[in-house]
Amino acid sequence: MGNSYRDLIVWQKAKALAIFVYRITEEFPKQEIFGLTAQMRRSAVSIPSNIAEGQGRNSKTDFMRFLCIARGSLLELATQIEIALELQLGNQEGLTGLMKQCDEVRY
Protein backbone atom coordinates (compact mmCIF):
# COMPACT_ATOMS: atom_id res chain seq x y z
CA MET A 1 0.00 0.00 0.00
CA GLY A 2 2.97 2.25 -0.07
CA ASN A 3 4.12 4.92 2.32
CA SER A 4 4.00 5.10 6.08
CA TYR A 5 0.80 5.98 7.91
CA ARG A 6 2.70 9.05 9.12
CA ASP A 7 2.51 10.40 5.57
CA LEU A 8 -1.30 10.35 5.60
CA ILE A 9 -2.75 13.82 6.15
CA VAL A 10 -5.80 12.31 7.84
CA TRP A 11 -3.55 10.52 10.35
CA GLN A 12 -1.61 13.75 11.02
CA LYS A 13 -4.85 15.67 11.65
CA ALA A 14 -6.28 12.86 13.79
CA LYS A 15 -3.13 12.74 15.92
CA ALA A 16 -3.26 16.53 16.40
CA LEU A 17 -6.92 16.17 17.40
CA ALA A 18 -6.04 13.53 20.02
CA ILE A 19 -3.35 15.74 21.52
CA PHE A 20 -5.77 18.69 21.64
CA VAL A 21 -8.38 16.49 23.37
CA TYR A 22 -5.86 15.67 26.10
CA ARG A 23 -5.06 19.36 26.59
CA ILE A 24 -8.69 20.48 26.69
CA THR A 25 -9.83 17.69 29.03
CA GLU A 26 -7.09 18.59 31.53
CA GLU A 27 -9.38 21.50 32.43
CA PHE A 28 -12.42 19.29 33.11
CA PRO A 29 -13.53 18.87 36.73
CA LYS A 30 -11.61 16.12 38.57
CA GLN A 31 -14.81 14.12 39.13
CA GLU A 32 -14.93 13.59 35.34
CA ILE A 33 -11.53 11.84 35.19
CA PHE A 34 -13.17 8.39 35.00
CA GLY A 35 -16.19 9.67 33.10
CA LEU A 36 -16.28 11.97 30.11
CA THR A 37 -12.55 12.80 30.27
CA ALA A 38 -11.56 9.14 29.93
CA GLN A 39 -14.18 8.48 27.25
CA MET A 40 -13.10 11.44 25.14
CA ARG A 41 -9.44 10.54 25.41
CA ARG A 42 -10.11 6.91 24.50
CA SER A 43 -12.18 7.91 21.47
CA ALA A 44 -9.61 10.47 20.34
CA VAL A 45 -6.64 8.09 20.57
CA SER A 46 -8.61 5.41 18.74
CA ILE A 47 -8.91 7.55 15.60
CA PRO A 48 -5.23 7.84 14.54
CA SER A 49 -4.51 4.40 16.01
CA ASN A 50 -7.03 2.70 13.74
CA ILE A 51 -5.84 4.67 10.72
CA ALA A 52 -2.28 3.53 11.40
CA GLU A 53 -3.27 -0.07 12.04
CA GLY A 54 -5.37 -0.24 8.89
CA GLN A 55 -2.62 1.24 6.74
CA GLY A 56 -0.16 -1.24 8.21
CA ARG A 57 -2.26 -4.22 7.17
CA ASN A 58 -1.20 -3.81 3.52
CA SER A 59 -4.69 -4.71 2.30
CA LYS A 60 -7.12 -2.17 0.88
CA THR A 61 -10.05 -4.11 2.33
CA ASP A 62 -8.53 -4.08 5.83
CA PHE A 63 -7.55 -0.43 5.46
CA MET A 64 -11.14 0.51 4.55
CA ARG A 65 -12.49 -1.49 7.50
CA PHE A 66 -10.13 0.28 9.93
CA LEU A 67 -11.02 3.67 8.40
CA CYS A 68 -14.68 2.88 9.15
CA ILE A 69 -13.75 2.07 12.76
CA ALA A 70 -11.78 5.34 12.99
CA ARG A 71 -14.77 7.25 11.60
CA GLY A 72 -17.00 5.64 14.24
CA SER A 73 -14.60 6.77 16.97
CA LEU A 74 -14.56 10.26 15.46
CA LEU A 75 -18.36 10.47 15.59
CA GLU A 76 -18.29 9.12 19.13
CA LEU A 77 -15.85 11.89 20.08
CA ALA A 78 -18.01 14.55 18.39
CA THR A 79 -20.99 13.39 20.45
CA GLN A 80 -18.93 13.55 23.65
CA ILE A 81 -17.77 17.07 22.77
CA GLU A 82 -21.40 18.13 22.29
CA ILE A 83 -22.23 16.70 25.73
CA ALA A 84 -19.26 18.52 27.30
CA LEU A 85 -20.39 21.76 25.64
CA GLU A 86 -23.93 21.40 26.94
CA LEU A 87 -22.65 20.59 30.44
CA GLN A 88 -20.30 23.59 30.16
CA LEU A 89 -17.27 21.53 31.14
CA GLY A 90 -13.88 23.10 30.61
CA ASN A 91 -13.02 25.72 28.04
CA GLN A 92 -16.02 26.28 25.77
CA GLU A 93 -13.93 27.94 23.07
CA GLY A 94 -11.50 25.03 23.14
CA LEU A 95 -14.35 22.52 22.87
CA THR A 96 -15.76 24.42 19.90
CA GLY A 97 -12.29 24.27 18.33
CA LEU A 98 -12.24 20.51 18.93
CA MET A 99 -15.52 20.16 17.09
CA LYS A 100 -14.06 22.06 14.12
CA GLN A 101 -11.04 19.76 14.16
CA CYS A 102 -13.39 16.76 14.14
CA ASP A 103 -15.03 18.14 11.02
CA GLU A 104 -11.61 18.63 9.41
CA VAL A 105 -10.63 15.03 10.09
CA ARG A 106 -14.00 13.78 8.91
CA TYR A 107 -14.01 15.63 5.59
PDB file of N, CA and C in Angstrom:
ATOM      1  N   MET A   1       0.816  -1.208   0.000  1.00  0.00           N
ATOM      2  CA  MET A   1       0.000   0.000   0.000  1.00  0.00           C
ATOM      3  C   MET A   1       0.851   1.260   0.000  1.00  0.00           C
ATOM      4  N   GLY A   2       2.128   1.086   0.138  1.00  0.00           N
ATOM      5  CA  GLY A   2       2.966   2.249  -0.068  1.00  0.00           C
ATOM      6  C   GLY A   2       3.559   2.833   1.191  1.00  0.00           C
ATOM      7  N   ASN A   3       3.441   4.135   1.314  1.00  0.00           N
ATOM      8  CA  ASN A   3       4.124   4.923   2.321  1.00  0.00           C
ATOM      9  C   ASN A   3       3.652   4.611   3.740  1.00  0.00           C
ATOM     10  N   SER A   4       4.320   5.246   4.668  1.00  0.00           N
ATOM     11  CA  SER A   4       4.003   5.105   6.081  1.00  0.00           C
ATOM     12  C   SER A   4       2.682   5.805   6.403  1.00  0.00           C
ATOM     13  N   TYR A   5       2.024   5.316   7.427  1.00  0.00           N
ATOM     14  CA  TYR A   5       0.803   5.981   7.909  1.00  0.00           C
ATOM     15  C   TYR A   5       1.087   7.413   8.317  1.00  0.00           C
ATOM     16  N   ARG A   6       2.333   7.684   8.706  1.00  0.00           N
ATOM     17  CA  ARG A   6       2.704   9.047   9.124  1.00  0.00           C
ATOM     18  C   ARG A   6       2.604  10.044   7.971  1.00  0.00           C
ATOM     19  N   ASP A   7       2.623   9.544   6.744  1.00  0.00           N
ATOM     20  CA  ASP A   7       2.513  10.400   5.569  1.00  0.00           C
ATOM     21  C   ASP A   7       1.066  10.773   5.254  1.00  0.00           C
ATOM     22  N   LEU A   8       0.125  10.097   5.866  1.00  0.00           N
ATOM     23  CA  LEU A   8      -1.299  10.348   5.598  1.00  0.00           C
ATOM     24  C   LEU A   8      -1.751  11.618   6.316  1.00  0.00           C
ATOM     25  N   ILE A   9      -2.280  12.554   5.561  1.00  0.00           N
ATOM     26  CA  ILE A   9      -2.749  13.818   6.150  1.00  0.00           C
ATOM     27  C   ILE A   9      -3.844  13.558   7.179  1.00  0.00           C
ATOM     28  N   VAL A  10      -4.722  12.611   6.897  1.00  0.00           N
ATOM     29  CA  VAL A  10      -5.802  12.309   7.843  1.00  0.00           C
ATOM     30  C   VAL A  10      -5.233  11.801   9.164  1.00  0.00           C
ATOM     31  N   TRP A  11      -4.169  11.002   9.115  1.00  0.00           N
ATOM     32  CA  TRP A  11      -3.545  10.523  10.350  1.00  0.00           C
ATOM     33  C   TRP A  11      -2.922  11.690  11.114  1.00  0.00           C
ATOM     34  N   GLN A  12      -2.246  12.594  10.387  1.00  0.00           N
ATOM     35  CA  GLN A  12      -1.614  13.751  11.020  1.00  0.00           C
ATOM     36  C   GLN A  12      -2.654  14.622  11.724  1.00  0.00           C
ATOM     37  N   LYS A  13      -3.775  14.852  11.055  1.00  0.00           N
ATOM     38  CA  LYS A  13      -4.846  15.665  11.646  1.00  0.00           C
ATOM     39  C   LYS A  13      -5.495  14.951  12.819  1.00  0.00           C
ATOM     40  N   ALA A  14      -5.668  13.642  12.705  1.00  0.00           N
ATOM     41  CA  ALA A  14      -6.280  12.861  13.786  1.00  0.00           C
ATOM     42  C   ALA A  14      -5.372  12.829  15.012  1.00  0.00           C
ATOM     43  N   LYS A  15      -4.074  12.728  14.798  1.00  0.00           N
ATOM     44  CA  LYS A  15      -3.131  12.739  15.921  1.00  0.00           C
ATOM     45  C   LYS A  15      -3.158  14.102  16.613  1.00  0.00           C
ATOM     46  N   ALA A  16      -3.176  15.174  15.826  1.00  0.00           N
ATOM     47  CA  ALA A  16      -3.255  16.530  16.402  1.00  0.00           C
ATOM     48  C   ALA A  16      -4.543  16.692  17.203  1.00  0.00           C
ATOM     49  N   LEU A  17      -5.637  16.129  16.693  1.00  0.00           N
ATOM     50  CA  LEU A  17      -6.916  16.171  17.401  1.00  0.00           C
ATOM     51  C   LEU A  17      -6.801  15.461  18.741  1.00  0.00           C
ATOM     52  N   ALA A  18      -6.188  14.286  18.772  1.00  0.00           N
ATOM     53  CA  ALA A  18      -6.041  13.525  20.019  1.00  0.00           C
ATOM     54  C   ALA A  18      -5.235  14.315  21.052  1.00  0.00           C
ATOM     55  N   ILE A  19      -4.179  14.948  20.598  1.00  0.00           N
ATOM     56  CA  ILE A  19      -3.352  15.740  21.516  1.00  0.00           C
ATOM     57  C   ILE A  19      -4.155  16.921  22.071  1.00  0.00           C
ATOM     58  N   PHE A  20      -4.933  17.566  21.209  1.00  0.00           N
ATOM     59  CA  PHE A  20      -5.767  18.690  21.636  1.00  0.00           C
ATOM     60  C   PHE A  20      -6.823  18.229  22.640  1.00  0.00           C
ATOM     61  N   VAL A  21      -7.384  17.041  22.429  1.00  0.00           N
ATOM     62  CA  VAL A  21      -8.378  16.488  23.368  1.00  0.00           C
ATOM     63  C   VAL A  21      -7.739  16.346  24.754  1.00  0.00           C
ATOM     64  N   TYR A  22      -6.533  15.816  24.803  1.00  0.00           N
ATOM     65  CA  TYR A  22      -5.859  15.671  26.096  1.00  0.00           C
ATOM     66  C   TYR A  22      -5.677  17.025  26.771  1.00  0.00           C
ATOM     67  N   ARG A  23      -5.289  18.022  26.001  1.00  0.00           N
ATOM     68  CA  ARG A  23      -5.057  19.355  26.588  1.00  0.00           C
ATOM     69  C   ARG A  23      -6.357  19.984  27.089  1.00  0.00           C
ATOM     70  N   ILE A  24      -7.409  19.870  26.305  1.00  0.00           N
ATOM     71  CA  ILE A  24      -8.689  20.480  26.692  1.00  0.00           C
ATOM     72  C   ILE A  24      -9.290  19.761  27.898  1.00  0.00           C
ATOM     73  N   THR A  25      -9.208  18.432  27.926  1.00  0.00           N
ATOM     74  CA  THR A  25      -9.835  17.687  29.028  1.00  0.00           C
ATOM     75  C   THR A  25      -9.065  17.813  30.336  1.00  0.00           C
ATOM     76  N   GLU A  26      -7.832  18.309  30.284  1.00  0.00           N
ATOM     77  CA  GLU A  26      -7.092  18.587  31.526  1.00  0.00           C
ATOM     78  C   GLU A  26      -7.838  19.599  32.384  1.00  0.00           C
ATOM     79  N   GLU A  27      -8.645  20.443  31.732  1.00  0.00           N
ATOM     80  CA  GLU A  27      -9.377  21.499  32.427  1.00  0.00           C
ATOM     81  C   GLU A  27     -10.738  21.034  32.950  1.00  0.00           C
ATOM     82  N   PHE A  28     -11.130  19.810  32.633  1.00  0.00           N
ATOM     83  CA  PHE A  28     -12.416  19.294  33.109  1.00  0.00           C
ATOM     84  C   PHE A  28     -12.351  19.092  34.625  1.00  0.00           C
ATOM     85  N   PRO A  29     -13.513  19.124  35.284  1.00  0.00           N
ATOM     86  CA  PRO A  29     -13.532  18.867  36.734  1.00  0.00           C
ATOM     87  C   PRO A  29     -12.942  17.481  37.050  1.00  0.00           C
ATOM     88  N   LYS A  30     -12.271  17.374  38.179  1.00  0.00           N
ATOM     89  CA  LYS A  30     -11.609  16.122  38.570  1.00  0.00           C
ATOM     90  C   LYS A  30     -12.589  14.958  38.674  1.00  0.00           C
ATOM     91  N   GLN A  31     -13.840  15.223  39.019  1.00  0.00           N
ATOM     92  CA  GLN A  31     -14.810  14.124  39.129  1.00  0.00           C
ATOM     93  C   GLN A  31     -15.135  13.495  37.772  1.00  0.00           C
ATOM     94  N   GLU A  32     -14.692  14.130  36.682  1.00  0.00           N
ATOM     95  CA  GLU A  32     -14.926  13.592  35.339  1.00  0.00           C
ATOM     96  C   GLU A  32     -13.771  12.728  34.843  1.00  0.00           C
ATOM     97  N   ILE A  33     -12.714  12.560  35.646  1.00  0.00           N
ATOM     98  CA  ILE A  33     -11.530  11.843  35.188  1.00  0.00           C
ATOM     99  C   ILE A  33     -11.852  10.419  34.739  1.00  0.00           C
ATOM    100  N   PHE A  34     -12.793   9.751  35.394  1.00  0.00           N
ATOM    101  CA  PHE A  34     -13.168   8.391  34.998  1.00  0.00           C
ATOM    102  C   PHE A  34     -14.447   8.380  34.166  1.00  0.00           C
ATOM    103  N   GLY A  35     -14.966   9.553  33.882  1.00  0.00           N
ATOM    104  CA  GLY A  35     -16.192   9.672  33.096  1.00  0.00           C
ATOM    105  C   GLY A  35     -15.889  10.198  31.700  1.00  0.00           C
ATOM    106  N   LEU A  36     -16.388  11.389  31.442  1.00  0.00           N
ATOM    107  CA  LEU A  36     -16.279  11.972  30.108  1.00  0.00           C
ATOM    108  C   LEU A  36     -14.825  12.208  29.682  1.00  0.00           C
ATOM    109  N   THR A  37     -13.968  12.586  30.612  1.00  0.00           N
ATOM    110  CA  THR A  37     -12.552  12.798  30.275  1.00  0.00           C
ATOM    111  C   THR A  37     -11.942  11.528  29.694  1.00  0.00           C
ATOM    112  N   ALA A  38     -12.120  10.422  30.393  1.00  0.00           N
ATOM    113  CA  ALA A  38     -11.556   9.141  29.935  1.00  0.00           C
ATOM    114  C   ALA A  38     -12.176   8.705  28.619  1.00  0.00           C
ATOM    115  N   GLN A  39     -13.490   8.874  28.487  1.00  0.00           N
ATOM    116  CA  GLN A  39     -14.180   8.478  27.245  1.00  0.00           C
ATOM    117  C   GLN A  39     -13.678   9.274  26.047  1.00  0.00           C
ATOM    118  N   MET A  40     -13.548  10.584  26.233  1.00  0.00           N
ATOM    119  CA  MET A  40     -13.096  11.441  25.135  1.00  0.00           C
ATOM    120  C   MET A  40     -11.663  11.105  24.729  1.00  0.00           C
ATOM    121  N   ARG A  41     -10.825  10.872  25.719  1.00  0.00           N
ATOM    122  CA  ARG A  41      -9.436  10.536  25.413  1.00  0.00           C
ATOM    123  C   ARG A  41      -9.342   9.196  24.685  1.00  0.00           C
ATOM    124  N   ARG A  42     -10.113   8.237  25.131  1.00  0.00           N
ATOM    125  CA  ARG A  42     -10.105   6.913  24.497  1.00  0.00           C
ATOM    126  C   ARG A  42     -10.574   7.002  23.045  1.00  0.00           C
ATOM    127  N   SER A  43     -11.660   7.727  22.830  1.00  0.00           N
ATOM    128  CA  SER A  43     -12.182   7.905  21.468  1.00  0.00           C
ATOM    129  C   SER A  43     -11.159   8.606  20.582  1.00  0.00           C
ATOM    130  N   ALA A  44     -10.557   9.664  21.120  1.00  0.00           N
ATOM    131  CA  ALA A  44      -9.614  10.466  20.337  1.00  0.00           C
ATOM    132  C   ALA A  44      -8.375   9.664  19.943  1.00  0.00           C
ATOM    133  N   VAL A  45      -7.843   8.887  20.857  1.00  0.00           N
ATOM    134  CA  VAL A  45      -6.644   8.089  20.571  1.00  0.00           C
ATOM    135  C   VAL A  45      -6.964   6.972  19.581  1.00  0.00           C
ATOM    136  N   SER A  46      -8.188   6.488  19.632  1.00  0.00           N
ATOM    137  CA  SER A  46      -8.611   5.409  18.740  1.00  0.00           C
ATOM    138  C   SER A  46      -8.580   5.826  17.264  1.00  0.00           C
ATOM    139  N   ILE A  47      -8.807   7.089  16.991  1.00  0.00           N
ATOM    140  CA  ILE A  47      -8.910   7.551  15.601  1.00  0.00           C
ATOM    141  C   ILE A  47      -7.578   7.377  14.852  1.00  0.00           C
ATOM    142  N   PRO A  48      -6.486   8.034  15.275  1.00  0.00           N
ATOM    143  CA  PRO A  48      -5.232   7.837  14.535  1.00  0.00           C
ATOM    144  C   PRO A  48      -4.692   6.415  14.680  1.00  0.00           C
ATOM    145  N   SER A  49      -4.990   5.775  15.802  1.00  0.00           N
ATOM    146  CA  SER A  49      -4.506   4.403  16.006  1.00  0.00           C
ATOM    147  C   SER A  49      -5.099   3.451  14.977  1.00  0.00           C
ATOM    148  N   ASN A  50      -6.390   3.569  14.721  1.00  0.00           N
ATOM    149  CA  ASN A  50      -7.033   2.698  13.739  1.00  0.00           C
ATOM    150  C   ASN A  50      -6.601   3.029  12.314  1.00  0.00           C
ATOM    151  N   ILE A  51      -6.354   4.295  12.039  1.00  0.00           N
ATOM    152  CA  ILE A  51      -5.845   4.670  10.716  1.00  0.00           C
ATOM    153  C   ILE A  51      -4.476   4.020  10.501  1.00  0.00           C
ATOM    154  N   ALA A  52      -3.623   4.106  11.505  1.00  0.00           N
ATOM    155  CA  ALA A  52      -2.279   3.527  11.400  1.00  0.00           C
ATOM    156  C   ALA A  52      -2.351   2.007  11.269  1.00  0.00           C
ATOM    157  N   GLU A  53      -3.169   1.378  12.099  1.00  0.00           N
ATOM    158  CA  GLU A  53      -3.266  -0.072  12.036  1.00  0.00           C
ATOM    159  C   GLU A  53      -3.795  -0.546  10.684  1.00  0.00           C
ATOM    160  N   GLY A  54      -4.808   0.126  10.185  1.00  0.00           N
ATOM    161  CA  GLY A  54      -5.366  -0.243   8.891  1.00  0.00           C
ATOM    162  C   GLY A  54      -4.367  -0.091   7.765  1.00  0.00           C
ATOM    163  N   GLN A  55      -3.618   1.005   7.784  1.00  0.00           N
ATOM    164  CA  GLN A  55      -2.624   1.235   6.737  1.00  0.00           C
ATOM    165  C   GLN A  55      -1.524   0.186   6.821  1.00  0.00           C
ATOM    166  N   GLY A  56      -1.213  -0.256   8.007  1.00  0.00           N
ATOM    167  CA  GLY A  56      -0.160  -1.238   8.206  1.00  0.00           C
ATOM    168  C   GLY A  56      -0.541  -2.650   7.804  1.00  0.00           C
ATOM    169  N   ARG A  57      -1.805  -2.891   7.551  1.00  0.00           N
ATOM    170  CA  ARG A  57      -2.262  -4.223   7.166  1.00  0.00           C
ATOM    171  C   ARG A  57      -1.923  -4.574   5.718  1.00  0.00           C
ATOM    172  N   ASN A  58      -1.567  -3.594   4.925  1.00  0.00           N
ATOM    173  CA  ASN A  58      -1.205  -3.814   3.517  1.00  0.00           C
ATOM    174  C   ASN A  58      -2.301  -4.485   2.704  1.00  0.00           C
ATOM    175  N   SER A  59      -3.534  -4.202   3.055  1.00  0.00           N
ATOM    176  CA  SER A  59      -4.687  -4.707   2.303  1.00  0.00           C
ATOM    177  C   SER A  59      -5.697  -3.577   2.227  1.00  0.00           C
ATOM    178  N   LYS A  60      -6.146  -3.256   1.025  1.00  0.00           N
ATOM    179  CA  LYS A  60      -7.122  -2.169   0.875  1.00  0.00           C
ATOM    180  C   LYS A  60      -8.412  -2.471   1.621  1.00  0.00           C
ATOM    181  N   THR A  61      -8.826  -3.720   1.629  1.00  0.00           N
ATOM    182  CA  THR A  61     -10.049  -4.106   2.335  1.00  0.00           C
ATOM    183  C   THR A  61      -9.899  -3.866   3.832  1.00  0.00           C
ATOM    184  N   ASP A  62      -8.776  -4.313   4.401  1.00  0.00           N
ATOM    185  CA  ASP A  62      -8.529  -4.083   5.829  1.00  0.00           C
ATOM    186  C   ASP A  62      -8.417  -2.596   6.131  1.00  0.00           C
ATOM    187  N   PHE A  63      -7.718  -1.866   5.254  1.00  0.00           N
ATOM    188  CA  PHE A  63      -7.554  -0.433   5.462  1.00  0.00           C
ATOM    189  C   PHE A  63      -8.916   0.256   5.512  1.00  0.00           C
ATOM    190  N   MET A  64      -9.793  -0.089   4.574  1.00  0.00           N
ATOM    191  CA  MET A  64     -11.137   0.510   4.549  1.00  0.00           C
ATOM    192  C   MET A  64     -11.914   0.163   5.815  1.00  0.00           C
ATOM    193  N   ARG A  65     -11.783  -1.068   6.280  1.00  0.00           N
ATOM    194  CA  ARG A  65     -12.486  -1.492   7.504  1.00  0.00           C
ATOM    195  C   ARG A  65     -11.995  -0.665   8.702  1.00  0.00           C
ATOM    196  N   PHE A  66     -10.681  -0.488   8.812  1.00  0.00           N
ATOM    197  CA  PHE A  66     -10.134   0.284   9.928  1.00  0.00           C
ATOM    198  C   PHE A  66     -10.466   1.774   9.801  1.00  0.00           C
ATOM    199  N   LEU A  67     -10.578   2.278   8.572  1.00  0.00           N
ATOM    200  CA  LEU A  67     -11.023   3.665   8.401  1.00  0.00           C
ATOM    201  C   LEU A  67     -12.456   3.826   8.888  1.00  0.00           C
ATOM    202  N   CYS A  68     -13.290   2.834   8.658  1.00  0.00           N
ATOM    203  CA  CYS A  68     -14.675   2.878   9.155  1.00  0.00           C
ATOM    204  C   CYS A  68     -14.708   2.879  10.680  1.00  0.00           C
ATOM    205  N   ILE A  69     -13.833   2.096  11.291  1.00  0.00           N
ATOM    206  CA  ILE A  69     -13.750   2.075  12.756  1.00  0.00           C
ATOM    207  C   ILE A  69     -13.288   3.439  13.270  1.00  0.00           C
ATOM    208  N   ALA A  70     -12.283   4.018  12.599  1.00  0.00           N
ATOM    209  CA  ALA A  70     -11.781   5.341  12.990  1.00  0.00           C
ATOM    210  C   ALA A  70     -12.885   6.392  12.869  1.00  0.00           C
ATOM    211  N   ARG A  71     -13.668   6.295  11.804  1.00  0.00           N
ATOM    212  CA  ARG A  71     -14.775   7.245  11.602  1.00  0.00           C
ATOM    213  C   ARG A  71     -15.813   7.101  12.721  1.00  0.00           C
ATOM    214  N   GLY A  72     -16.074   5.869  13.122  1.00  0.00           N
ATOM    215  CA  GLY A  72     -17.003   5.643  14.237  1.00  0.00           C
ATOM    216  C   GLY A  72     -16.492   6.281  15.517  1.00  0.00           C
ATOM    217  N   SER A  73     -15.196   6.147  15.781  1.00  0.00           N
ATOM    218  CA  SER A  73     -14.603   6.773  16.971  1.00  0.00           C
ATOM    219  C   SER A  73     -14.659   8.291  16.875  1.00  0.00           C
ATOM    220  N   LEU A  74     -14.484   8.816  15.671  1.00  0.00           N
ATOM    221  CA  LEU A  74     -14.565  10.262  15.457  1.00  0.00           C
ATOM    222  C   LEU A  74     -15.968  10.779  15.776  1.00  0.00           C
ATOM    223  N   LEU A  75     -16.978  10.062  15.315  1.00  0.00           N
ATOM    224  CA  LEU A  75     -18.363  10.471  15.588  1.00  0.00           C
ATOM    225  C   LEU A  75     -18.698  10.317  17.066  1.00  0.00           C
ATOM    226  N   GLU A  76     -18.127   9.301  17.688  1.00  0.00           N
ATOM    227  CA  GLU A  76     -18.291   9.123  19.134  1.00  0.00           C
ATOM    228  C   GLU A  76     -17.696  10.325  19.871  1.00  0.00           C
ATOM    229  N   LEU A  77     -16.501  10.733  19.471  1.00  0.00           N
ATOM    230  CA  LEU A  77     -15.851  11.891  20.081  1.00  0.00           C
ATOM    231  C   LEU A  77     -16.676  13.156  19.868  1.00  0.00           C
ATOM    232  N   ALA A  78     -17.197  13.357  18.667  1.00  0.00           N
ATOM    233  CA  ALA A  78     -18.007  14.545  18.386  1.00  0.00           C
ATOM    234  C   ALA A  78     -19.228  14.598  19.303  1.00  0.00           C
ATOM    235  N   THR A  79     -19.839  13.454  19.540  1.00  0.00           N
ATOM    236  CA  THR A  79     -20.987  13.388  20.453  1.00  0.00           C
ATOM    237  C   THR A  79     -20.563  13.758  21.866  1.00  0.00           C
ATOM    238  N   GLN A  80     -19.425  13.247  22.294  1.00  0.00           N
ATOM    239  CA  GLN A  80     -18.927  13.547  23.646  1.00  0.00           C
ATOM    240  C   GLN A  80     -18.578  15.027  23.791  1.00  0.00           C
ATOM    241  N   ILE A  81     -18.063  15.630  22.734  1.00  0.00           N
ATOM    242  CA  ILE A  81     -17.768  17.067  22.768  1.00  0.00           C
ATOM    243  C   ILE A  81     -19.069  17.855  22.916  1.00  0.00           C
ATOM    244  N   GLU A  82     -20.097  17.453  22.174  1.00  0.00           N
ATOM    245  CA  GLU A  82     -21.396  18.127  22.292  1.00  0.00           C
ATOM    246  C   GLU A  82     -21.929  18.039  23.720  1.00  0.00           C
ATOM    247  N   ILE A  83     -21.781  16.883  24.335  1.00  0.00           N
ATOM    248  CA  ILE A  83     -22.232  16.701  25.727  1.00  0.00           C
ATOM    249  C   ILE A  83     -21.430  17.615  26.648  1.00  0.00           C
ATOM    250  N   ALA A  84     -20.113  17.656  26.470  1.00  0.00           N
ATOM    251  CA  ALA A  84     -19.263  18.521  27.296  1.00  0.00           C
ATOM    252  C   ALA A  84     -19.638  19.992  27.124  1.00  0.00           C
ATOM    253  N   LEU A  85     -19.960  20.385  25.882  1.00  0.00           N
ATOM    254  CA  LEU A  85     -20.394  21.764  25.642  1.00  0.00           C
ATOM    255  C   LEU A  85     -21.691  22.072  26.385  1.00  0.00           C
ATOM    256  N   GLU A  86     -22.646  21.165  26.284  1.00  0.00           N
ATOM    257  CA  GLU A  86     -23.929  21.397  26.943  1.00  0.00           C
ATOM    258  C   GLU A  86     -23.813  21.401  28.462  1.00  0.00           C
ATOM    259  N   LEU A  87     -22.880  20.608  28.994  1.00  0.00           N
ATOM    260  CA  LEU A  87     -22.650  20.589  30.438  1.00  0.00           C
ATOM    261  C   LEU A  87     -21.738  21.725  30.888  1.00  0.00           C
ATOM    262  N   GLN A  88     -21.218  22.468  29.917  1.00  0.00           N
ATOM    263  CA  GLN A  88     -20.301  23.589  30.157  1.00  0.00           C
ATOM    264  C   GLN A  88     -19.069  23.149  30.950  1.00  0.00           C
ATOM    265  N   LEU A  89     -18.506  22.026  30.529  1.00  0.00           N
ATOM    266  CA  LEU A  89     -17.270  21.531  31.143  1.00  0.00           C
ATOM    267  C   LEU A  89     -16.082  22.174  30.448  1.00  0.00           C
ATOM    268  N   GLY A  90     -15.112  22.593  31.193  1.00  0.00           N
ATOM    269  CA  GLY A  90     -13.876  23.103  30.606  1.00  0.00           C
ATOM    270  C   GLY A  90     -14.043  24.352  29.771  1.00  0.00           C
ATOM    271  N   ASN A  91     -13.110  24.543  28.888  1.00  0.00           N
ATOM    272  CA  ASN A  91     -13.017  25.722  28.042  1.00  0.00           C
ATOM    273  C   ASN A  91     -13.969  25.579  26.846  1.00  0.00           C
ATOM    274  N   GLN A  92     -15.021  26.377  26.828  1.00  0.00           N
ATOM    275  CA  GLN A  92     -16.021  26.280  25.768  1.00  0.00           C
ATOM    276  C   GLN A  92     -15.440  26.604  24.391  1.00  0.00           C
ATOM    277  N   GLU A  93     -14.572  27.583  24.336  1.00  0.00           N
ATOM    278  CA  GLU A  93     -13.932  27.944  23.070  1.00  0.00           C
ATOM    279  C   GLU A  93     -13.052  26.795  22.573  1.00  0.00           C
ATOM    280  N   GLY A  94     -12.339  26.171  23.493  1.00  0.00           N
ATOM    281  CA  GLY A  94     -11.501  25.027  23.138  1.00  0.00           C
ATOM    282  C   GLY A  94     -12.329  23.856  22.643  1.00  0.00           C
ATOM    283  N   LEU A  95     -13.459  23.605  23.288  1.00  0.00           N
ATOM    284  CA  LEU A  95     -14.352  22.524  22.867  1.00  0.00           C
ATOM    285  C   LEU A  95     -14.922  22.791  21.478  1.00  0.00           C
ATOM    286  N   THR A  96     -15.267  24.041  21.227  1.00  0.00           N
ATOM    287  CA  THR A  96     -15.757  24.418  19.896  1.00  0.00           C
ATOM    288  C   THR A  96     -14.656  24.192  18.858  1.00  0.00           C
ATOM    289  N   GLY A  97     -13.430  24.516  19.214  1.00  0.00           N
ATOM    290  CA  GLY A  97     -12.291  24.267  18.333  1.00  0.00           C
ATOM    291  C   GLY A  97     -12.098  22.780  18.073  1.00  0.00           C
ATOM    292  N   LEU A  98     -12.324  21.966  19.103  1.00  0.00           N
ATOM    293  CA  LEU A  98     -12.236  20.512  18.930  1.00  0.00           C
ATOM    294  C   LEU A  98     -13.270  20.027  17.922  1.00  0.00           C
ATOM    295  N   MET A  99     -14.465  20.573  18.012  1.00  0.00           N
ATOM    296  CA  MET A  99     -15.523  20.160  17.088  1.00  0.00           C
ATOM    297  C   MET A  99     -15.133  20.505  15.646  1.00  0.00           C
ATOM    298  N   LYS A 100     -14.528  21.665  15.466  1.00  0.00           N
ATOM    299  CA  LYS A 100     -14.063  22.057  14.122  1.00  0.00           C
ATOM    300  C   LYS A 100     -12.975  21.105  13.631  1.00  0.00           C
ATOM    301  N   GLN A 101     -12.088  20.713  14.538  1.00  0.00           N
ATOM    302  CA  GLN A 101     -11.039  19.756  14.157  1.00  0.00           C
ATOM    303  C   GLN A 101     -11.653  18.406  13.785  1.00  0.00           C
ATOM    304  N   CYS A 102     -12.692  18.003  14.493  1.00  0.00           N
ATOM    305  CA  CYS A 102     -13.387  16.756  14.142  1.00  0.00           C
ATOM    306  C   CYS A 102     -13.913  16.832  12.713  1.00  0.00           C
ATOM    307  N   ASP A 103     -14.511  17.960  12.371  1.00  0.00           N
ATOM    308  CA  ASP A 103     -15.032  18.140  11.015  1.00  0.00           C
ATOM    309  C   ASP A 103     -13.916  18.080   9.978  1.00  0.00           C
ATOM    310  N   GLU A 104     -12.761  18.663  10.320  1.00  0.00           N
ATOM    311  CA  GLU A 104     -11.613  18.634   9.414  1.00  0.00           C
ATOM    312  C   GLU A 104     -11.127  17.221   9.178  1.00  0.00           C
ATOM    313  N   VAL A 105     -11.062  16.419  10.231  1.00  0.00           N
ATOM    314  CA  VAL A 105     -10.626  15.034  10.087  1.00  0.00           C
ATOM    315  C   VAL A 105     -11.662  14.239   9.295  1.00  0.00           C
ATOM    316  N   ARG A 106     -12.909  14.521   9.547  1.00  0.00           N
ATOM    317  CA  ARG A 106     -13.995  13.775   8.914  1.00  0.00           C
ATOM    318  C   ARG A 106     -14.074  14.032   7.416  1.00  0.00           C
ATOM    319  N   TYR A 107     -13.858  15.280   6.994  1.00  0.00           N
ATOM    320  CA  TYR A 107     -14.012  15.626   5.587  1.00  0.00           C
ATOM    321  C   TYR A 107     -12.674  15.886   4.970  1.00  0.00           C
TER     322      TYR A 107
END
